[in-house]
Protein backbone atom coordinates (compact mmCIF):
# COMPACT_ATOMS: atom_id res chain seq x y z
CA MET A 1 97.94 71.45 -125.19
CA ALA A 2 98.31 74.61 -127.39
CA THR A 3 101.03 77.24 -127.73
CA ILE A 4 99.30 80.63 -128.17
CA GLY A 5 101.31 83.55 -129.15
CA TYR A 6 100.38 87.45 -128.64
CA ALA A 7 101.83 90.30 -130.49
CA ARG A 8 100.87 93.99 -130.02
CA VAL A 9 102.00 97.20 -131.58
CA SER A 10 100.72 100.80 -130.57
CA THR A 11 100.67 102.53 -133.54
CA THR A 12 99.81 102.36 -137.39
CA TYR A 13 103.35 102.86 -138.08
CA GLN A 14 104.77 99.93 -136.25
CA ARG A 15 104.97 96.46 -137.65
CA PHE A 16 104.38 93.14 -136.30
CA ASP A 17 107.16 91.46 -138.48
CA SER A 18 109.94 90.74 -135.92
CA GLN A 19 107.37 89.67 -133.13
CA ILE A 20 105.65 87.46 -135.46
CA SER A 21 108.65 85.71 -136.83
CA LYS A 22 109.98 85.08 -133.30
CA LEU A 23 106.85 83.67 -132.19
CA LYS A 24 106.55 81.33 -135.36
CA ALA A 25 110.08 80.12 -134.82
CA HIS A 26 109.09 79.13 -131.20
CA GLY A 27 106.12 77.13 -132.44
CA CYS A 28 103.07 79.13 -131.72
CA ASP A 29 99.96 77.19 -132.91
CA PHE A 30 98.08 80.46 -133.14
CA ILE A 31 99.01 84.13 -132.95
CA PHE A 32 96.81 86.88 -132.02
CA ARG A 33 97.77 90.40 -133.29
CA GLU A 34 96.66 93.63 -131.69
CA ARG A 35 97.04 97.21 -132.45
CA GLU A 36 96.21 99.04 -129.06
CA SER A 37 98.25 100.90 -126.32
CA GLY A 38 100.08 98.71 -123.78
CA THR A 39 98.73 101.00 -120.98
CA LEU A 40 95.09 99.89 -121.40
CA SER A 41 94.15 97.06 -119.37
CA LYS A 42 91.27 96.16 -121.39
CA ARG A 43 92.33 95.03 -124.90
CA PRO A 44 89.63 92.91 -127.03
CA ILE A 45 92.26 90.82 -128.71
CA LEU A 46 94.21 89.96 -125.75
CA ASP A 47 91.07 89.22 -123.88
CA LYS A 48 90.13 86.88 -126.87
CA ALA A 49 93.61 85.28 -126.68
CA ILE A 50 93.32 84.83 -122.76
CA LYS A 51 89.73 83.17 -123.10
CA GLN A 52 91.15 80.50 -125.57
CA LEU A 53 93.60 79.44 -122.93
CA LYS A 54 93.20 76.12 -121.06
CA PRO A 55 95.02 74.36 -118.41
CA GLY A 56 98.54 73.25 -119.82
CA ASP A 57 98.64 75.63 -122.66
CA ILE A 58 101.46 78.19 -123.01
CA PHE A 59 101.02 81.77 -123.81
CA VAL A 60 103.90 83.10 -125.45
CA ILE A 61 104.92 86.81 -126.11
CA TYR A 62 107.94 88.31 -127.59
CA ARG A 63 108.82 90.80 -124.82
CA LEU A 64 106.91 91.88 -121.54
CA ASP A 65 106.24 95.31 -122.72
CA ARG A 66 104.28 93.86 -125.64
CA LEU A 67 101.78 92.35 -122.91
CA SER A 68 101.59 95.34 -120.49
CA ARG A 69 103.19 98.62 -119.75
CA GLY A 70 101.81 98.42 -116.18
CA THR A 71 103.29 96.28 -113.46
CA ARG A 72 100.03 95.81 -111.69
CA TYR A 73 98.17 94.49 -114.93
CA LEU A 74 101.02 92.32 -115.64
CA LEU A 75 101.13 90.80 -112.21
CA GLU A 76 97.32 90.20 -112.45
CA LEU A 77 98.02 88.34 -115.61
CA MET A 78 100.64 86.33 -114.09
CA GLU A 79 98.35 85.48 -111.28
CA PHE A 80 95.53 84.52 -113.57
CA PHE A 81 97.91 81.99 -115.47
CA GLU A 82 99.22 80.37 -112.36
CA LYS A 83 95.64 79.80 -111.06
CA ASN A 84 94.52 78.44 -114.13
CA GLY A 85 97.53 76.19 -114.92
CA ILE A 86 98.59 78.08 -117.89
CA HIS A 87 102.28 78.36 -118.68
CA PHE A 88 103.89 81.80 -119.78
CA ILE A 89 106.86 82.43 -121.94
CA SER A 90 108.49 85.98 -122.61
CA LEU A 91 110.95 85.23 -125.23
CA GLN A 92 113.15 88.19 -125.03
CA ASP A 93 113.09 88.29 -121.15
CA SER A 94 113.98 84.68 -120.73
CA ILE A 95 111.08 83.94 -118.63
CA ASP A 96 109.45 80.37 -118.94
CA THR A 97 107.30 79.18 -116.29
CA THR A 98 107.39 75.65 -117.84
CA THR A 99 111.08 75.31 -116.11
CA PRO A 100 111.79 75.29 -112.46
CA MET A 101 113.72 78.32 -112.85
CA GLY A 102 110.89 80.24 -114.53
CA LYS A 103 108.51 79.31 -111.85
CA CYS A 104 111.23 80.45 -109.23
CA PHE A 105 111.27 83.86 -111.12
CA PHE A 106 107.41 84.02 -111.32
CA THR A 107 107.29 83.39 -107.47
CA ILE A 108 109.73 86.26 -106.77
CA MET A 109 107.62 88.42 -109.03
CA GLY A 110 104.50 87.70 -107.01
CA ALA A 111 106.38 88.39 -103.80
CA PHE A 112 107.44 91.87 -105.03
CA ALA A 113 104.00 92.55 -106.29
CA GLU A 114 102.67 91.90 -102.70
CA MET A 115 105.24 93.87 -101.17
CA GLU A 116 104.48 96.74 -103.58
CA ALA A 117 100.69 96.50 -102.55
CA GLY A 118 101.59 96.61 -99.01
CA LEU A 119 103.80 99.59 -99.29
CA ILE A 120 101.08 101.59 -101.47
CA ARG A 121 98.60 100.74 -98.71
CA GLU A 122 100.84 102.05 -95.96
CA ARG A 123 101.64 105.29 -97.72
CA VAL A 124 97.90 105.92 -98.48
CA LEU A 125 97.02 105.21 -94.72
CA ALA A 126 100.00 107.51 -93.54
CA GLY A 127 98.75 110.27 -96.00
CA LEU A 128 95.27 110.17 -94.80
CA ALA A 129 96.42 110.21 -91.12
CA ALA A 130 98.68 113.12 -91.73
CA THR A 131 95.70 115.04 -93.47
CA LYS A 132 93.46 114.50 -90.61
CA GLU A 133 96.15 115.61 -88.11
CA ASN A 134 96.31 118.82 -90.01
CA GLY A 135 92.62 119.30 -89.68
CA VAL A 136 91.50 118.72 -93.17
CA ILE A 137 87.96 117.10 -93.36
CA LEU A 138 88.04 114.41 -95.73
CA GLY A 139 85.05 113.38 -98.11
CA ARG A 140 82.62 115.35 -100.09
CA PRO A 141 81.88 118.78 -98.50
CA ILE A 142 78.43 119.14 -96.83
CA ASN A 143 75.87 121.02 -98.79
CA VAL A 144 74.86 123.58 -96.05
CA ASN A 145 71.51 124.50 -97.84
CA ASN A 146 70.42 120.75 -97.95
CA LYS A 147 71.60 120.25 -94.32
CA GLU A 148 69.46 123.09 -93.03
CA LYS A 149 66.66 121.64 -95.12
CA VAL A 150 67.02 118.31 -93.75
CA ILE A 151 67.18 119.49 -90.08
CA SER A 152 63.93 121.68 -90.75
CA LEU A 153 62.04 118.86 -92.19
CA HIS A 154 63.23 116.35 -89.44
CA GLU A 155 61.91 118.69 -86.92
CA GLU A 156 58.56 118.86 -88.81
CA GLY A 157 58.30 115.10 -87.99
CA LEU A 158 58.82 113.77 -91.56
CA SER A 159 60.28 110.37 -92.29
CA ILE A 160 63.79 109.84 -93.30
CA ALA A 161 62.65 108.39 -96.64
CA HIS A 162 60.43 111.46 -97.11
CA ILE A 163 63.24 113.99 -96.44
CA ALA A 164 65.69 112.15 -98.60
CA ARG A 165 63.12 112.32 -101.53
CA GLU A 166 62.45 116.03 -100.72
CA VAL A 167 65.94 116.93 -100.52
CA ASN A 168 67.03 114.59 -103.47
CA CYS A 169 69.76 112.64 -101.52
CA SER A 170 70.29 109.27 -99.94
CA ARG A 171 68.87 108.26 -96.49
CA SER A 172 72.31 107.76 -95.27
CA THR A 173 73.19 111.49 -96.21
CA VAL A 174 70.04 112.59 -94.21
CA TYR A 175 71.29 110.41 -91.12
CA ARG A 176 74.81 111.80 -91.42
CA TYR A 177 73.51 115.43 -91.50
CA LEU A 178 71.29 114.68 -88.46
CA LYS A 179 74.12 112.88 -86.60
CA LYS A 180 76.39 115.92 -87.20
CA GLU A 181 73.72 118.27 -86.01
CA THR A 182 73.16 116.19 -82.75
CA GLU A 183 77.00 116.24 -82.09
CA ASN A 184 77.23 119.97 -82.60
CA ALA A 185 74.18 120.62 -80.20
C-alpha cells in the first residue's frame, strides 16, 4: 500500500513549497508535481500519478482546488477512486475516505453529483422543448442546392450511394432530404 501525493500550481510564479511540506508531513511515499491549469481535465502528471495507484493505495492532495477546478471532473475522479478501491485524502478540506465519516461525505458528494446531472438534463430537455414550441428548427440547416440536386438525381433513378458520392454528403442525409420532400408533397 502506497501513499501518493499530488501537488499542482498554475503559473511559473507559484511555488510548490507549502503543498510539498504538508504532503511530506502526511507521509507520502511519492509526490507528483505539476504546473498546469486546474481547469484542464487532461494533465499528463496527474494521469501518470493515477496510473500508479493500486487498490488500497491512498491518493493525497493539499486542497481540492489543487486537484480540479471543475466539480464534474472532481466527481469523476472520486468515482474512479471508489470503483478501484483507492482511498482519497484532501488535507486542507478534511476529507479522508479511509474513515467512516470520510466515506459518508464521499457518498453525499456522489448524491449531489447525480442530482446535478439530473437537473442539467431536465433544463436541457425543457430548453429544447421550448425552442421547438417557438417554431425553431433544430439541427444543421438544409443546404437547399444539395437538396434540389439530391431530388433531381433520385428522379433520374440513381442509387442512394451514387447520389451521396455525387453530392458529397452521407447516405443518411440523402434519405433525410428525400423524406422531407415526400412529406412536403
